[in-house]
């Protein structure tokens, strides 16, 4: 059974990256499905809703670009850490991709390749 993945990214600047990942998820050999539950704007209880969505997905893929510092991305990563939900950071670009502010020093920023993506979803990070 494919794992369900919550995608965390800066929607104002990186929506195209999400489109590319959604396209890859359509490959019949993909070991994950996208839980397409974006939180594009803040509202009074958005953190509680983000927590519910992260927990329901069970895996968080953080798409990192040059501007991976919005509060929402940082908070979604913090929630994954607090809830013990596995996550990994995926570099959206060959150069210039940055970790979110809540990433730990040990969080690696992985190169986005098909082989890496399959391996990262399947286990060791």
N, C-alpha and C. Protein backbone atom coordinates (compact mmCIF):
# COMPACT_ATOMS: atom_id res chain seq x y z
N UNK A 1 0.84 -1.17 0.00
CA UNK A 1 0.00 0.00 0.00
C UNK A 1 0.89 1.25 0.00
N UNK A 2 0.56 2.20 -0.81
CA UNK A 2 1.34 3.44 -0.92
C UNK A 2 1.15 4.30 0.32
N UNK A 3 2.22 4.96 0.72
CA UNK A 3 2.14 5.90 1.84
C UNK A 3 1.49 7.19 1.38
N UNK A 4 0.77 7.82 2.28
CA UNK A 4 0.16 9.11 2.00
C UNK A 4 1.12 10.19 2.47
N UNK A 5 1.40 11.17 1.61
CA UNK A 5 2.36 12.23 1.94
C UNK A 5 1.70 13.60 1.92
N UNK A 6 1.94 14.35 2.98
CA UNK A 6 1.54 15.76 3.07
C UNK A 6 2.70 16.56 2.49
N UNK A 7 2.41 17.47 1.59
CA UNK A 7 3.44 18.29 0.96
C UNK A 7 3.45 19.66 1.61
N UNK A 8 4.62 20.03 2.12
CA UNK A 8 4.80 21.34 2.75
C UNK A 8 5.70 22.17 1.85
N UNK A 9 5.24 23.35 1.47
CA UNK A 9 6.03 24.23 0.64
C UNK A 9 5.50 25.65 0.72
N UNK A 10 6.28 26.57 0.23
CA UNK A 10 5.90 27.97 0.15
C UNK A 10 5.02 28.13 -1.09
N UNK A 11 3.70 28.12 -0.89
CA UNK A 11 2.78 28.16 -2.03
C UNK A 11 2.86 29.45 -2.82
N UNK A 12 3.26 30.53 -2.19
CA UNK A 12 3.36 31.80 -2.91
C UNK A 12 4.45 31.77 -3.97
N UNK A 13 5.48 30.97 -3.75
CA UNK A 13 6.62 30.96 -4.66
C UNK A 13 6.95 29.62 -5.30
N UNK A 14 6.38 28.54 -4.78
CA UNK A 14 6.82 27.23 -5.24
C UNK A 14 5.69 26.28 -5.65
N UNK A 15 4.56 26.78 -6.03
CA UNK A 15 3.44 25.91 -6.42
C UNK A 15 3.82 25.03 -7.61
N UNK A 16 4.69 25.50 -8.47
CA UNK A 16 5.10 24.70 -9.64
C UNK A 16 5.85 23.45 -9.19
N UNK A 17 6.62 23.54 -8.11
CA UNK A 17 7.32 22.36 -7.59
C UNK A 17 6.31 21.29 -7.17
N UNK A 18 5.25 21.73 -6.51
CA UNK A 18 4.21 20.78 -6.10
C UNK A 18 3.60 20.11 -7.31
N UNK A 19 3.34 20.88 -8.36
CA UNK A 19 2.78 20.31 -9.59
C UNK A 19 3.69 19.22 -10.16
N UNK A 20 5.00 19.45 -10.11
CA UNK A 20 5.95 18.45 -10.60
C UNK A 20 5.93 17.19 -9.74
N UNK A 21 5.84 17.36 -8.43
CA UNK A 21 5.78 16.21 -7.53
C UNK A 21 4.48 15.43 -7.72
N UNK A 22 3.38 16.13 -7.87
CA UNK A 22 2.10 15.48 -8.14
C UNK A 22 2.18 14.67 -9.43
N UNK A 23 2.84 15.23 -10.43
CA UNK A 23 3.03 14.51 -11.69
C UNK A 23 3.83 13.23 -11.49
N UNK A 24 4.90 13.31 -10.70
CA UNK A 24 5.70 12.11 -10.42
C UNK A 24 4.88 11.08 -9.66
N UNK A 25 3.99 11.53 -8.80
CA UNK A 25 3.19 10.61 -7.99
C UNK A 25 2.23 9.79 -8.86
N UNK A 26 2.01 10.20 -10.09
CA UNK A 26 1.13 9.47 -10.99
C UNK A 26 1.82 8.27 -11.63
N UNK A 27 3.13 8.17 -11.48
CA UNK A 27 3.88 7.02 -11.99
C UNK A 27 3.37 5.77 -11.29
N UNK A 28 3.07 4.71 -12.03
CA UNK A 28 2.53 3.50 -11.39
C UNK A 28 3.47 2.87 -10.36
N UNK A 29 4.75 3.17 -10.41
CA UNK A 29 5.71 2.60 -9.46
C UNK A 29 5.92 3.49 -8.23
N UNK A 30 5.16 4.57 -8.12
CA UNK A 30 5.33 5.51 -7.02
C UNK A 30 4.88 4.87 -5.70
N UNK A 31 5.75 4.91 -4.67
CA UNK A 31 5.40 4.31 -3.39
C UNK A 31 4.63 5.26 -2.46
N UNK A 32 4.07 6.33 -3.01
CA UNK A 32 3.32 7.26 -2.17
C UNK A 32 2.19 7.88 -2.98
N UNK A 33 1.23 8.41 -2.25
CA UNK A 33 0.17 9.20 -2.86
C UNK A 33 0.17 10.56 -2.18
N UNK A 34 -0.19 11.56 -2.91
CA UNK A 34 -0.19 12.92 -2.40
C UNK A 34 -1.51 13.18 -1.67
N UNK A 35 -1.39 13.61 -0.42
CA UNK A 35 -2.56 14.12 0.30
C UNK A 35 -2.59 15.61 -0.04
N UNK A 36 -3.37 15.97 -1.02
CA UNK A 36 -3.37 17.33 -1.52
C UNK A 36 -4.28 18.20 -0.66
N UNK A 37 -3.74 18.56 0.51
CA UNK A 37 -4.48 19.34 1.49
C UNK A 37 -3.72 20.62 1.79
N UNK A 38 -3.53 21.47 0.83
CA UNK A 38 -2.73 22.67 1.10
C UNK A 38 -3.42 23.63 2.06
N UNK A 39 -2.61 24.28 2.85
CA UNK A 39 -3.09 25.36 3.70
C UNK A 39 -2.43 26.62 3.14
N UNK A 40 -3.17 27.30 2.28
CA UNK A 40 -2.58 28.43 1.54
C UNK A 40 -2.69 29.76 2.27
N UNK A 41 -3.62 29.85 3.18
CA UNK A 41 -3.79 31.10 3.91
C UNK A 41 -3.97 30.79 5.39
N UNK A 42 -3.61 31.75 6.21
CA UNK A 42 -3.77 31.57 7.65
C UNK A 42 -5.19 31.94 8.06
N UNK A 43 -5.74 31.20 8.98
CA UNK A 43 -7.01 31.52 9.59
C UNK A 43 -6.87 31.19 11.07
N UNK A 44 -7.81 31.54 11.91
CA UNK A 44 -7.60 31.40 13.35
C UNK A 44 -7.10 30.03 13.82
N UNK A 45 -7.61 28.95 13.27
CA UNK A 45 -7.21 27.61 13.73
C UNK A 45 -6.35 26.86 12.73
N UNK A 46 -5.59 27.56 11.89
CA UNK A 46 -4.85 26.87 10.84
C UNK A 46 -3.80 25.92 11.41
N UNK A 47 -3.21 26.25 12.56
CA UNK A 47 -2.21 25.34 13.14
C UNK A 47 -2.84 24.01 13.56
N UNK A 48 -4.01 24.08 14.15
CA UNK A 48 -4.72 22.85 14.54
C UNK A 48 -5.09 22.03 13.31
N UNK A 49 -5.51 22.71 12.26
CA UNK A 49 -5.85 22.00 11.02
C UNK A 49 -4.59 21.41 10.38
N UNK A 50 -3.50 22.13 10.40
CA UNK A 50 -2.23 21.61 9.87
C UNK A 50 -1.82 20.36 10.65
N UNK A 51 -1.96 20.40 11.96
CA UNK A 51 -1.61 19.24 12.79
C UNK A 51 -2.47 18.03 12.40
N UNK A 52 -3.76 18.26 12.24
CA UNK A 52 -4.66 17.16 11.84
C UNK A 52 -4.24 16.57 10.50
N UNK A 53 -3.92 17.42 9.54
CA UNK A 53 -3.56 16.96 8.20
C UNK A 53 -2.22 16.23 8.19
N UNK A 54 -1.25 16.75 8.92
CA UNK A 54 0.07 16.10 8.99
C UNK A 54 -0.07 14.71 9.60
N UNK A 55 -0.81 14.61 10.71
CA UNK A 55 -1.00 13.32 11.37
C UNK A 55 -1.76 12.35 10.47
N UNK A 56 -2.76 12.84 9.77
CA UNK A 56 -3.56 11.97 8.90
C UNK A 56 -2.75 11.44 7.73
N UNK A 57 -1.82 12.23 7.23
CA UNK A 57 -1.01 11.79 6.10
C UNK A 57 0.00 10.74 6.53
N UNK A 58 0.70 10.99 7.63
CA UNK A 58 1.68 10.03 8.11
C UNK A 58 3.08 10.18 7.55
N UNK A 59 3.28 11.10 6.61
CA UNK A 59 4.59 11.39 6.03
C UNK A 59 4.54 12.83 5.52
N UNK A 60 5.62 13.58 5.74
CA UNK A 60 5.68 14.95 5.26
C UNK A 60 6.88 15.10 4.34
N UNK A 61 6.63 15.61 3.15
CA UNK A 61 7.69 15.95 2.21
C UNK A 61 7.76 17.47 2.17
N UNK A 62 8.90 18.02 2.59
CA UNK A 62 9.09 19.47 2.58
C UNK A 62 9.84 19.83 1.31
N UNK A 63 9.16 20.51 0.39
CA UNK A 63 9.80 20.95 -0.85
C UNK A 63 10.51 22.28 -0.59
N UNK A 64 11.81 22.26 -0.71
CA UNK A 64 12.63 23.42 -0.36
C UNK A 64 13.08 24.16 -1.61
N UNK A 65 12.97 25.47 -1.55
CA UNK A 65 13.46 26.34 -2.62
C UNK A 65 14.27 27.46 -2.02
N UNK A 66 14.36 28.55 -2.74
CA UNK A 66 15.12 29.69 -2.25
C UNK A 66 14.40 30.38 -1.10
N UNK A 67 13.09 30.30 -1.05
CA UNK A 67 12.28 30.98 -0.03
C UNK A 67 11.48 29.96 0.78
N UNK A 68 12.16 29.14 1.56
CA UNK A 68 11.48 28.11 2.34
C UNK A 68 11.32 28.56 3.78
N UNK A 69 11.14 29.85 3.99
CA UNK A 69 11.11 30.38 5.34
C UNK A 69 9.75 30.88 5.83
N UNK A 70 8.67 30.73 5.09
CA UNK A 70 7.39 31.20 5.61
C UNK A 70 7.02 30.48 6.91
N UNK A 71 6.22 31.14 7.70
CA UNK A 71 5.78 30.59 8.99
C UNK A 71 5.09 29.24 8.79
N UNK A 72 4.28 29.11 7.77
CA UNK A 72 3.53 27.87 7.55
C UNK A 72 4.42 26.67 7.35
N UNK A 73 5.45 26.79 6.53
CA UNK A 73 6.37 25.67 6.29
C UNK A 73 7.10 25.31 7.58
N UNK A 74 7.60 26.32 8.27
CA UNK A 74 8.30 26.08 9.53
C UNK A 74 7.39 25.39 10.54
N UNK A 75 6.15 25.82 10.62
CA UNK A 75 5.20 25.25 11.58
C UNK A 75 4.83 23.82 11.20
N UNK A 76 4.61 23.55 9.91
CA UNK A 76 4.28 22.18 9.48
C UNK A 76 5.43 21.23 9.81
N UNK A 77 6.66 21.67 9.62
CA UNK A 77 7.81 20.84 9.97
C UNK A 77 7.88 20.63 11.49
N UNK A 78 7.65 21.68 12.25
CA UNK A 78 7.65 21.57 13.72
C UNK A 78 6.57 20.57 14.17
N UNK A 79 5.40 20.63 13.56
CA UNK A 79 4.31 19.72 13.90
C UNK A 79 4.72 18.27 13.61
N UNK A 80 5.32 18.04 12.45
CA UNK A 80 5.77 16.68 12.11
C UNK A 80 6.75 16.18 13.17
N UNK A 81 7.68 17.04 13.58
CA UNK A 81 8.65 16.65 14.61
C UNK A 81 7.94 16.33 15.93
N UNK A 82 7.03 17.20 16.36
CA UNK A 82 6.31 17.01 17.62
C UNK A 82 5.47 15.74 17.62
N UNK A 83 4.85 15.44 16.48
CA UNK A 83 3.95 14.30 16.39
C UNK A 83 4.67 13.00 16.02
N UNK A 84 5.96 13.08 15.77
CA UNK A 84 6.71 11.88 15.39
C UNK A 84 6.37 11.38 14.00
N UNK A 85 5.90 12.28 13.15
CA UNK A 85 5.57 11.93 11.77
C UNK A 85 6.85 12.02 10.94
N UNK A 86 7.22 10.96 10.24
CA UNK A 86 8.43 11.01 9.43
C UNK A 86 8.35 12.12 8.38
N UNK A 87 9.49 12.72 8.11
CA UNK A 87 9.56 13.78 7.10
C UNK A 87 10.93 13.77 6.47
N UNK A 88 11.02 14.42 5.32
CA UNK A 88 12.33 14.68 4.73
C UNK A 88 12.27 15.96 3.93
N UNK A 89 13.44 16.55 3.73
CA UNK A 89 13.58 17.82 3.00
C UNK A 89 14.08 17.50 1.61
N UNK A 90 13.37 17.95 0.61
CA UNK A 90 13.69 17.68 -0.78
C UNK A 90 14.03 18.99 -1.48
N UNK A 91 15.24 19.07 -2.03
CA UNK A 91 15.68 20.28 -2.73
C UNK A 91 14.90 20.43 -4.03
N UNK A 92 14.18 21.52 -4.14
CA UNK A 92 13.39 21.77 -5.34
C UNK A 92 14.24 22.19 -6.53
N UNK A 93 15.44 22.68 -6.27
CA UNK A 93 16.32 23.18 -7.32
C UNK A 93 17.73 22.65 -7.08
N UNK A 94 18.50 22.56 -8.14
CA UNK A 94 19.87 22.07 -8.02
C UNK A 94 20.74 22.99 -7.18
N UNK A 95 20.47 24.27 -7.23
CA UNK A 95 21.23 25.23 -6.42
C UNK A 95 20.26 26.20 -5.76
N UNK A 96 20.64 26.69 -4.60
CA UNK A 96 19.88 27.73 -3.93
C UNK A 96 18.75 27.27 -3.03
N UNK A 97 18.50 25.97 -2.94
CA UNK A 97 17.44 25.50 -2.06
C UNK A 97 17.90 25.61 -0.61
N UNK A 98 17.00 26.04 0.27
CA UNK A 98 17.34 26.27 1.67
C UNK A 98 16.39 25.50 2.59
N UNK A 99 16.92 25.09 3.73
CA UNK A 99 16.11 24.41 4.73
C UNK A 99 15.18 25.41 5.41
N UNK A 100 14.02 24.95 5.88
CA UNK A 100 13.15 25.81 6.69
C UNK A 100 13.83 26.15 8.01
N UNK A 101 13.39 27.21 8.65
CA UNK A 101 14.01 27.68 9.88
C UNK A 101 13.89 26.68 11.03
N UNK A 102 12.91 25.79 11.01
CA UNK A 102 12.73 24.83 12.09
C UNK A 102 13.42 23.49 11.81
N UNK A 103 14.12 23.38 10.69
CA UNK A 103 14.87 22.15 10.42
C UNK A 103 16.01 22.02 11.42
N UNK A 104 16.32 20.80 11.77
CA UNK A 104 17.41 20.57 12.71
C UNK A 104 18.73 20.55 11.95
N UNK A 105 19.81 20.68 12.69
CA UNK A 105 21.14 20.65 12.07
C UNK A 105 21.39 19.31 11.38
N UNK A 106 20.78 18.25 11.89
CA UNK A 106 21.00 16.93 11.30
C UNK A 106 20.07 16.63 10.12
N UNK A 107 19.08 17.49 9.87
CA UNK A 107 18.20 17.29 8.71
C UNK A 107 18.98 17.52 7.43
N UNK A 108 19.00 16.52 6.59
CA UNK A 108 19.71 16.62 5.32
C UNK A 108 18.75 17.14 4.25
N UNK A 109 19.28 17.95 3.36
CA UNK A 109 18.52 18.44 2.21
C UNK A 109 18.87 17.52 1.04
N UNK A 110 17.93 16.67 0.66
CA UNK A 110 18.17 15.65 -0.35
C UNK A 110 17.95 16.17 -1.76
N UNK A 111 18.75 15.70 -2.68
CA UNK A 111 18.60 16.01 -4.10
C UNK A 111 17.34 15.32 -4.61
N UNK A 112 16.58 16.03 -5.40
CA UNK A 112 15.33 15.49 -5.95
C UNK A 112 15.64 14.68 -7.19
N UNK A 113 15.72 13.37 -7.00
CA UNK A 113 15.81 12.42 -8.12
C UNK A 113 14.76 11.36 -7.87
N UNK A 114 14.40 10.65 -8.91
CA UNK A 114 13.39 9.60 -8.77
C UNK A 114 13.87 8.53 -7.79
N UNK A 115 15.14 8.10 -7.91
CA UNK A 115 15.66 7.08 -7.01
C UNK A 115 15.67 7.56 -5.55
N UNK A 116 16.11 8.81 -5.33
CA UNK A 116 16.10 9.36 -3.97
C UNK A 116 14.69 9.42 -3.41
N UNK A 117 13.76 9.88 -4.21
CA UNK A 117 12.38 10.03 -3.75
C UNK A 117 11.81 8.68 -3.33
N UNK A 118 12.00 7.67 -4.13
CA UNK A 118 11.49 6.33 -3.79
C UNK A 118 12.15 5.81 -2.51
N UNK A 119 13.45 5.99 -2.39
CA UNK A 119 14.17 5.52 -1.20
C UNK A 119 13.74 6.27 0.05
N UNK A 120 13.59 7.59 -0.06
CA UNK A 120 13.23 8.42 1.09
C UNK A 120 11.83 8.10 1.60
N UNK A 121 10.91 7.87 0.68
CA UNK A 121 9.55 7.51 1.08
C UNK A 121 9.55 6.14 1.74
N UNK A 122 10.41 5.26 1.25
CA UNK A 122 10.43 3.89 1.74
C UNK A 122 11.14 3.65 3.05
N UNK A 123 11.91 4.62 3.52
CA UNK A 123 12.61 4.30 4.75
C UNK A 123 13.63 5.28 5.23
N UNK A 124 14.88 4.81 5.33
CA UNK A 124 15.93 5.62 5.99
C UNK A 124 16.07 7.02 5.42
N UNK A 125 16.21 7.95 6.34
CA UNK A 125 16.39 9.33 5.93
C UNK A 125 17.63 9.85 6.60
